[in-house]
Amino acid sequence: NVKAVLINIFGGIVRCDRVANGVVQAVKELGLKV
């Protein structure tokens, strides 16, 4: 049922650049179509 995805991260302990790298890696590897 998912037609779009929202990633909403507030970086306190977690670093936003690590999340960004994860997003890019996931989009490339999984071939996201949404």
PDB file of all heavy atoms in Angstrom:
ATOM      1  N   ASN A   1       0.811  -1.221   0.000  1.00  0.00           N
ATOM      2  CA  ASN A   1       0.000   0.000   0.000  1.00  0.00           C
ATOM      3  C   ASN A   1       0.845   1.273   0.000  1.00  0.00           C
ATOM      4  O   ASN A   1       0.333   2.362  -0.270  1.00  0.00           O
ATOM      5  CB  ASN A   1      -0.920   0.026   1.225  1.00  0.00           C
ATOM      6  CG  ASN A   1      -1.966  -1.076   1.189  1.00  0.00           C
ATOM      7  OD1 ASN A   1      -2.443  -1.432   0.117  1.00  0.00           O
ATOM      8  ND2 ASN A   1      -2.311  -1.619   2.346  1.00  0.00           N
ATOM      9  N   VAL A   2       2.133   1.155   0.300  1.00  0.00           N
ATOM     10  CA  VAL A   2       3.000   2.338   0.415  1.00  0.00           C
ATOM     11  C   VAL A   2       3.251   2.948  -0.971  1.00  0.00           C
ATOM     12  O   VAL A   2       3.762   2.293  -1.870  1.00  0.00           O
ATOM     13  CB  VAL A   2       4.334   1.976   1.099  1.00  0.00           C
ATOM     14  CG1 VAL A   2       5.313   3.142   1.012  1.00  0.00           C
ATOM     15  CG2 VAL A   2       4.089   1.595   2.553  1.00  0.00           C
ATOM     16  N   LYS A   3       2.891   4.235  -1.095  1.00  0.00           N
ATOM     17  CA  LYS A   3       3.075   4.957  -2.359  1.00  0.00           C
ATOM     18  C   LYS A   3       4.173   6.014  -2.281  1.00  0.00           C
ATOM     19  O   LYS A   3       4.596   6.548  -3.314  1.00  0.00           O
ATOM     20  CB  LYS A   3       1.758   5.639  -2.761  1.00  0.00           C
ATOM     21  CG  LYS A   3       0.571   4.693  -2.876  1.00  0.00           C
ATOM     22  CD  LYS A   3       0.826   3.589  -3.898  1.00  0.00           C
ATOM     23  CE  LYS A   3      -0.375   2.656  -4.006  1.00  0.00           C
ATOM     24  NZ  LYS A   3      -0.099   1.502  -4.890  1.00  0.00           N
ATOM     25  N   ALA A   4       4.610   6.331  -1.063  1.00  0.00           N
ATOM     26  CA  ALA A   4       5.702   7.297  -0.866  1.00  0.00           C
ATOM     27  C   ALA A   4       6.257   7.091   0.536  1.00  0.00           C
ATOM     28  O   ALA A   4       5.562   6.574   1.414  1.00  0.00           O
ATOM     29  CB  ALA A   4       5.207   8.730  -1.047  1.00  0.00           C
ATOM     30  N   VAL A   5       7.513   7.492   0.724  1.00  0.00           N
ATOM     31  CA  VAL A   5       8.172   7.292   2.016  1.00  0.00           C
ATOM     32  C   VAL A   5       8.716   8.624   2.514  1.00  0.00           C
ATOM     33  O   VAL A   5       9.329   9.385   1.749  1.00  0.00           O
ATOM     34  CB  VAL A   5       9.326   6.276   1.909  1.00  0.00           C
ATOM     35  CG1 VAL A   5      10.050   6.139   3.247  1.00  0.00           C
ATOM     36  CG2 VAL A   5       8.807   4.917   1.450  1.00  0.00           C
ATOM     37  N   LEU A   6       8.490   8.902   3.808  1.00  0.00           N
ATOM     38  CA  LEU A   6       9.062  10.073   4.458  1.00  0.00           C
ATOM     39  C   LEU A   6      10.095   9.627   5.482  1.00  0.00           C
ATOM     40  O   LEU A   6       9.785   8.847   6.388  1.00  0.00           O
ATOM     41  CB  LEU A   6       7.972  10.894   5.154  1.00  0.00           C
ATOM     42  CG  LEU A   6       8.469  12.034   6.071  1.00  0.00           C
ATOM     43  CD1 LEU A   6       9.319  13.019   5.280  1.00  0.00           C
ATOM     44  CD2 LEU A   6       7.301  12.733   6.744  1.00  0.00           C
ATOM     45  N   ILE A   7      11.323  10.115   5.340  1.00  0.00           N
ATOM     46  CA  ILE A   7      12.370   9.891   6.342  1.00  0.00           C
ATOM     47  C   ILE A   7      12.526  11.195   7.123  1.00  0.00           C
ATOM     48  O   ILE A   7      12.866  12.234   6.541  1.00  0.00           O
ATOM     49  CB  ILE A   7      13.700   9.495   5.680  1.00  0.00           C
ATOM     50  CG1 ILE A   7      13.525   8.187   4.904  1.00  0.00           C
ATOM     51  CG2 ILE A   7      14.792   9.343   6.725  1.00  0.00           C
ATOM     52  CD1 ILE A   7      14.750   7.767   4.130  1.00  0.00           C
ATOM     53  N   ASN A   8      12.251  11.137   8.398  1.00  0.00           N
ATOM     54  CA  ASN A   8      12.288  12.340   9.239  1.00  0.00           C
ATOM     55  C   ASN A   8      13.219  12.065  10.423  1.00  0.00           C
ATOM     56  O   ASN A   8      12.853  11.356  11.362  1.00  0.00           O
ATOM     57  CB  ASN A   8      10.873  12.672   9.728  1.00  0.00           C
ATOM     58  CG  ASN A   8      10.819  13.992  10.463  1.00  0.00           C
ATOM     59  OD1 ASN A   8      11.747  14.796  10.391  1.00  0.00           O
ATOM     60  ND2 ASN A   8       9.729  14.219  11.182  1.00  0.00           N
ATOM     61  N   ILE A   9      14.420  12.598  10.356  1.00  0.00           N
ATOM     62  CA  ILE A   9      15.441  12.310  11.368  1.00  0.00           C
ATOM     63  C   ILE A   9      15.898  13.596  12.046  1.00  0.00           C
ATOM     64  O   ILE A   9      16.242  14.579  11.368  1.00  0.00           O
ATOM     65  CB  ILE A   9      16.673  11.614  10.740  1.00  0.00           C
ATOM     66  CG1 ILE A   9      16.255  10.298  10.053  1.00  0.00           C
ATOM     67  CG2 ILE A   9      17.744  11.365  11.799  1.00  0.00           C
ATOM     68  CD1 ILE A   9      15.784   9.212  10.984  1.00  0.00           C
ATOM     69  N   PHE A  10      15.894  13.595  13.361  1.00  0.00           N
ATOM     70  CA  PHE A  10      16.514  14.678  14.108  1.00  0.00           C
ATOM     71  C   PHE A  10      17.791  14.126  14.730  1.00  0.00           C
ATOM     72  O   PHE A  10      17.749  13.249  15.593  1.00  0.00           O
ATOM     73  CB  PHE A  10      15.592  15.217  15.198  1.00  0.00           C
ATOM     74  CG  PHE A  10      16.187  16.374  15.957  1.00  0.00           C
ATOM     75  CD1 PHE A  10      16.144  17.657  15.427  1.00  0.00           C
ATOM     76  CD2 PHE A  10      16.836  16.186  17.169  1.00  0.00           C
ATOM     77  CE1 PHE A  10      16.717  18.727  16.094  1.00  0.00           C
ATOM     78  CE2 PHE A  10      17.415  17.250  17.843  1.00  0.00           C
ATOM     79  CZ  PHE A  10      17.352  18.531  17.302  1.00  0.00           C
ATOM     80  N   GLY A  11      18.910  14.649  14.290  1.00  0.00           N
ATOM     81  CA  GLY A  11      20.193  14.114  14.713  1.00  0.00           C
ATOM     82  C   GLY A  11      20.661  14.675  16.040  1.00  0.00           C
ATOM     83  O   GLY A  11      21.100  15.820  16.122  1.00  0.00           O
ATOM     84  N   GLY A  12      20.549  13.878  17.060  1.00  0.00           N
ATOM     85  CA  GLY A  12      21.113  14.218  18.352  1.00  0.00           C
ATOM     86  C   GLY A  12      22.255  13.262  18.590  1.00  0.00           C
ATOM     87  O   GLY A  12      23.417  13.555  18.293  1.00  0.00           O
ATOM     88  N   ILE A  13      21.938  12.088  19.080  1.00  0.00           N
ATOM     89  CA  ILE A  13      22.934  11.020  19.196  1.00  0.00           C
ATOM     90  C   ILE A  13      23.321  10.528  17.803  1.00  0.00           C
ATOM     91  O   ILE A  13      24.496  10.346  17.478  1.00  0.00           O
ATOM     92  CB  ILE A  13      22.385   9.857  20.041  1.00  0.00           C
ATOM     93  CG1 ILE A  13      22.063  10.329  21.457  1.00  0.00           C
ATOM     94  CG2 ILE A  13      23.384   8.706  20.078  1.00  0.00           C
ATOM     95  CD1 ILE A  13      21.373   9.293  22.307  1.00  0.00           C
ATOM     96  N   VAL A  14      22.294  10.319  16.982  1.00  0.00           N
ATOM     97  CA  VAL A  14      22.549   9.828  15.628  1.00  0.00           C
ATOM     98  C   VAL A  14      23.000  10.989  14.732  1.00  0.00           C
ATOM     99  O   VAL A  14      22.466  12.094  14.823  1.00  0.00           O
ATOM    100  CB  VAL A  14      21.281   9.149  15.052  1.00  0.00           C
ATOM    101  CG1 VAL A  14      20.130  10.123  14.951  1.00  0.00           C
ATOM    102  CG2 VAL A  14      21.563   8.555  13.684  1.00  0.00           C
ATOM    103  N   ARG A  15      23.995  10.746  13.900  1.00  0.00           N
ATOM    104  CA  ARG A  15      24.502  11.770  12.989  1.00  0.00           C
ATOM    105  C   ARG A  15      23.742  11.721  11.674  1.00  0.00           C
ATOM    106  O   ARG A  15      23.540  10.658  11.087  1.00  0.00           O
ATOM    107  CB  ARG A  15      25.993  11.551  12.739  1.00  0.00           C
ATOM    108  CG  ARG A  15      26.869  11.908  13.917  1.00  0.00           C
ATOM    109  CD  ARG A  15      28.288  11.387  13.747  1.00  0.00           C
ATOM    110  NE  ARG A  15      28.719  11.259  12.361  1.00  0.00           N
ATOM    111  CZ  ARG A  15      29.770  10.525  11.990  1.00  0.00           C
ATOM    112  NH1 ARG A  15      30.462   9.857  12.885  1.00  0.00           N
ATOM    113  NH2 ARG A  15      30.114  10.463  10.715  1.00  0.00           N
ATOM    114  N   CYS A  16      23.327  12.896  11.197  1.00  0.00           N
ATOM    115  CA  CYS A  16      22.545  12.964   9.971  1.00  0.00           C
ATOM    116  C   CYS A  16      23.323  12.464   8.758  1.00  0.00           C
ATOM    117  O   CYS A  16      22.732  11.892   7.832  1.00  0.00           O
ATOM    118  CB  CYS A  16      22.077  14.400   9.729  1.00  0.00           C
ATOM    119  SG  CYS A  16      20.850  14.974  10.919  1.00  0.00           S
ATOM    120  N   ASP A  17      24.651  12.672   8.736  1.00  0.00           N
ATOM    121  CA  ASP A  17      25.423  12.214   7.581  1.00  0.00           C
ATOM    122  C   ASP A  17      25.437  10.692   7.477  1.00  0.00           C
ATOM    123  O   ASP A  17      25.428  10.130   6.379  1.00  0.00           O
ATOM    124  CB  ASP A  17      26.850  12.763   7.624  1.00  0.00           C
ATOM    125  CG  ASP A  17      27.589  12.391   8.912  1.00  0.00           C
ATOM    126  OD1 ASP A  17      26.955  12.381   9.982  1.00  0.00           O
ATOM    127  OD2 ASP A  17      28.800  12.105   8.835  1.00  0.00           O
ATOM    128  N   ARG A  18      25.422  10.003   8.638  1.00  0.00           N
ATOM    129  CA  ARG A  18      25.344   8.533   8.620  1.00  0.00           C
ATOM    130  C   ARG A  18      24.002   8.077   8.055  1.00  0.00           C
ATOM    131  O   ARG A  18      23.932   7.118   7.277  1.00  0.00           O
ATOM    132  CB  ARG A  18      25.523   7.982  10.033  1.00  0.00           C
ATOM    133  CG  ARG A  18      26.932   8.115  10.583  1.00  0.00           C
ATOM    134  CD  ARG A  18      27.022   7.584  12.003  1.00  0.00           C
ATOM    135  NE  ARG A  18      26.701   6.162  12.066  1.00  0.00           N
ATOM    136  CZ  ARG A  18      26.530   5.497  13.212  1.00  0.00           C
ATOM    137  NH1 ARG A  18      26.648   6.127  14.365  1.00  0.00           N
ATOM    138  NH2 ARG A  18      26.258   4.211  13.188  1.00  0.00           N
ATOM    139  N   VAL A  19      22.945   8.780   8.447  1.00  0.00           N
ATOM    140  CA  VAL A  19      21.615   8.441   7.937  1.00  0.00           C
ATOM    141  C   VAL A  19      21.563   8.700   6.435  1.00  0.00           C
ATOM    142  O   VAL A  19      21.032   7.885   5.664  1.00  0.00           O
ATOM    143  CB  VAL A  19      20.526   9.249   8.661  1.00  0.00           C
ATOM    144  CG1 VAL A  19      19.157   8.959   8.050  1.00  0.00           C
ATOM    145  CG2 VAL A  19      20.519   8.931  10.144  1.00  0.00           C
ATOM    146  N   ALA A  20      22.121   9.820   6.000  1.00  0.00           N
ATOM    147  CA  ALA A  20      22.114  10.157   4.573  1.00  0.00           C
ATOM    148  C   ALA A  20      22.833   9.092   3.753  1.00  0.00           C
ATOM    149  O   ALA A  20      22.360   8.681   2.687  1.00  0.00           O
ATOM    150  CB  ALA A  20      22.760  11.526   4.360  1.00  0.00           C
ATOM    151  N   ASN A  21      23.981   8.644   4.244  1.00  0.00           N
ATOM    152  CA  ASN A  21      24.699   7.568   3.557  1.00  0.00           C
ATOM    153  C   ASN A  21      23.853   6.304   3.480  1.00  0.00           C
ATOM    154  O   ASN A  21      23.860   5.599   2.470  1.00  0.00           O
ATOM    155  CB  ASN A  21      26.021   7.271   4.275  1.00  0.00           C
ATOM    156  CG  ASN A  21      27.101   8.299   3.966  1.00  0.00           C
ATOM    157  OD1 ASN A  21      27.197   8.769   2.841  1.00  0.00           O
ATOM    158  ND2 ASN A  21      27.909   8.646   4.961  1.00  0.00           N
ATOM    159  N   GLY A  22      23.140   6.023   4.554  1.00  0.00           N
ATOM    160  CA  GLY A  22      22.262   4.854   4.573  1.00  0.00           C
ATOM    161  C   GLY A  22      21.134   4.977   3.582  1.00  0.00           C
ATOM    162  O   GLY A  22      20.766   4.008   2.903  1.00  0.00           O
ATOM    163  N   VAL A  23      20.556   6.172   3.479  1.00  0.00           N
ATOM    164  CA  VAL A  23      19.469   6.412   2.526  1.00  0.00           C
ATOM    165  C   VAL A  23      19.963   6.213   1.097  1.00  0.00           C
ATOM    166  O   VAL A  23      19.324   5.514   0.291  1.00  0.00           O
ATOM    167  CB  VAL A  23      18.897   7.840   2.710  1.00  0.00           C
ATOM    168  CG1 VAL A  23      17.916   8.163   1.582  1.00  0.00           C
ATOM    169  CG2 VAL A  23      18.205   7.969   4.058  1.00  0.00           C
ATOM    170  N   VAL A  24      21.094   6.806   0.784  1.00  0.00           N
ATOM    171  CA  VAL A  24      21.642   6.685  -0.571  1.00  0.00           C
ATOM    172  C   VAL A  24      21.945   5.225  -0.898  1.00  0.00           C
ATOM    173  O   VAL A  24      21.616   4.722  -1.983  1.00  0.00           O
ATOM    174  CB  VAL A  24      22.921   7.545  -0.713  1.00  0.00           C
ATOM    175  CG1 VAL A  24      23.603   7.269  -2.050  1.00  0.00           C
ATOM    176  CG2 VAL A  24      22.582   9.019  -0.570  1.00  0.00           C
ATOM    177  N   GLN A  25      22.584   4.534   0.038  1.00  0.00           N
ATOM    178  CA  GLN A  25      22.932   3.131  -0.166  1.00  0.00           C
ATOM    179  C   GLN A  25      21.683   2.285  -0.365  1.00  0.00           C
ATOM    180  O   GLN A  25      21.630   1.422  -1.254  1.00  0.00           O
ATOM    181  CB  GLN A  25      23.720   2.627   1.039  1.00  0.00           C
ATOM    182  CG  GLN A  25      24.220   1.189   0.901  1.00  0.00           C
ATOM    183  CD  GLN A  25      25.017   0.753   2.131  1.00  0.00           C
ATOM    184  OE1 GLN A  25      25.552   1.577   2.866  1.00  0.00           O
ATOM    185  NE2 GLN A  25      25.055  -0.548   2.368  1.00  0.00           N
ATOM    186  N   ALA A  26      20.656   2.531   0.440  1.00  0.00           N
ATOM    187  CA  ALA A  26      19.423   1.751   0.352  1.00  0.00           C
ATOM    188  C   ALA A  26      18.702   1.996  -0.962  1.00  0.00           C
ATOM    189  O   ALA A  26      18.219   1.053  -1.608  1.00  0.00           O
ATOM    190  CB  ALA A  26      18.503   2.105   1.533  1.00  0.00           C
ATOM    191  N   VAL A  27      18.616   3.264  -1.366  1.00  0.00           N
ATOM    192  CA  VAL A  27      17.936   3.597  -2.622  1.00  0.00           C
ATOM    193  C   VAL A  27      18.631   2.920  -3.801  1.00  0.00           C
ATOM    194  O   VAL A  27      17.991   2.387  -4.714  1.00  0.00           O
ATOM    195  CB  VAL A  27      17.886   5.123  -2.822  1.00  0.00           C
ATOM    196  CG1 VAL A  27      17.386   5.465  -4.226  1.00  0.00           C
ATOM    197  CG2 VAL A  27      16.988   5.770  -1.771  1.00  0.00           C
ATOM    198  N   LYS A  28      19.974   2.911  -3.795  1.00  0.00           N
ATOM    199  CA  LYS A  28      20.719   2.293  -4.891  1.00  0.00           C
ATOM    200  C   LYS A  28      20.592   0.779  -4.891  1.00  0.00           C
ATOM    201  O   LYS A  28      20.391   0.152  -5.931  1.00  0.00           O
ATOM    202  CB  LYS A  28      22.195   2.695  -4.801  1.00  0.00           C
ATOM    203  CG  LYS A  28      22.468   4.148  -5.148  1.00  0.00           C
ATOM    204  CD  LYS A  28      23.959   4.474  -5.034  1.00  0.00           C
ATOM    205  CE  LYS A  28      24.250   5.908  -5.471  1.00  0.00           C
ATOM    206  NZ  LYS A  28      25.682   6.262  -5.333  1.00  0.00           N
ATOM    207  N   GLU A  29      20.703   0.177  -3.705  1.00  0.00           N
ATOM    208  CA  GLU A  29      20.693  -1.288  -3.628  1.00  0.00           C
ATOM    209  C   GLU A  29      19.305  -1.877  -3.818  1.00  0.00           C
ATOM    210  O   GLU A  29      19.152  -2.941  -4.426  1.00  0.00           O
ATOM    211  CB  GLU A  29      21.264  -1.738  -2.284  1.00  0.00           C
ATOM    212  CG  GLU A  29      22.755  -1.524  -2.134  1.00  0.00           C
ATOM    213  CD  GLU A  29      23.298  -2.116  -0.850  1.00  0.00           C
ATOM    214  OE1 GLU A  29      22.594  -2.950  -0.235  1.00  0.00           O
ATOM    215  OE2 GLU A  29      24.421  -1.753  -0.450  1.00  0.00           O
ATOM    216  N   LEU A  30      18.307  -1.203  -3.284  1.00  0.00           N
ATOM    217  CA  LEU A  30      16.955  -1.758  -3.321  1.00  0.00           C
ATOM    218  C   LEU A  30      16.184  -1.350  -4.567  1.00  0.00           C
ATOM    219  O   LEU A  30      15.127  -1.909  -4.849  1.00  0.00           O
ATOM    220  CB  LEU A  30      16.168  -1.336  -2.066  1.00  0.00           C
ATOM    221  CG  LEU A  30      16.759  -1.782  -0.719  1.00  0.00           C
ATOM    222  CD1 LEU A  30      15.916  -1.247   0.440  1.00  0.00           C
ATOM    223  CD2 LEU A  30      16.842  -3.304  -0.651  1.00  0.00           C
ATOM    224  N   GLY A  31      16.711  -0.381  -5.308  1.00  0.00           N
ATOM    225  CA  GLY A  31      16.028   0.054  -6.518  1.00  0.00           C
ATOM    226  C   GLY A  31      14.627   0.559  -6.233  1.00  0.00           C
ATOM    227  O   GLY A  31      13.650   0.096  -6.836  1.00  0.00           O
ATOM    228  N   LEU A  32      14.529   1.513  -5.338  1.00  0.00           N
ATOM    229  CA  LEU A  32      13.221   2.013  -4.906  1.00  0.00           C
ATOM    230  C   LEU A  32      12.425   2.593  -6.071  1.00  0.00           C
ATOM    231  O   LEU A  32      12.958   3.335  -6.892  1.00  0.00           O
ATOM    232  CB  LEU A  32      13.396   3.068  -3.819  1.00  0.00           C
ATOM    233  CG  LEU A  32      14.114   2.626  -2.539  1.00  0.00           C
ATOM    234  CD1 LEU A  32      14.028   3.714  -1.489  1.00  0.00           C
ATOM    235  CD2 LEU A  32      13.487   1.350  -1.989  1.00  0.00           C
ATOM    236  N   LYS A  33      11.151   2.255  -6.100  1.00  0.00           N
ATOM    237  CA  LYS A  33      10.277   2.729  -7.176  1.00  0.00           C
ATOM    238  C   LYS A  33       9.198   3.672  -6.659  1.00  0.00           C
ATOM    239  O   LYS A  33       8.262   4.003  -7.383  1.00  0.00           O
ATOM    240  CB  LYS A  33       9.636   1.533  -7.885  1.00  0.00           C
ATOM    241  CG  LYS A  33      10.647   0.620  -8.562  1.00  0.00           C
ATOM    242  CD  LYS A  33       9.980  -0.551  -9.250  1.00  0.00           C
ATOM    243  CE  LYS A  33      11.022  -1.457  -9.910  1.00  0.00           C
ATOM    244  NZ  LYS A  33      10.392  -2.641 -10.569  1.00  0.00           N
ATOM    245  N   VAL A  34       9.324   4.085  -5.396  1.00  0.00           N
ATOM    246  CA  VAL A  34       8.373   5.047  -4.847  1.00  0.00           C
ATOM    247  C   VAL A  34       9.138   6.310  -4.463  1.00  0.00           C
ATOM    248  O   VAL A  34      10.341   6.254  -4.165  1.00  0.00           O
ATOM    249  CB  VAL A  34       7.639   4.481  -3.605  1.00  0.00           C
ATOM    250  CG1 VAL A  34       6.834   3.249  -3.975  1.00  0.00           C
ATOM    251  CG2 VAL A  34       8.613   4.163  -2.472  1.00  0.00           C
TER     252      VAL A  34
END
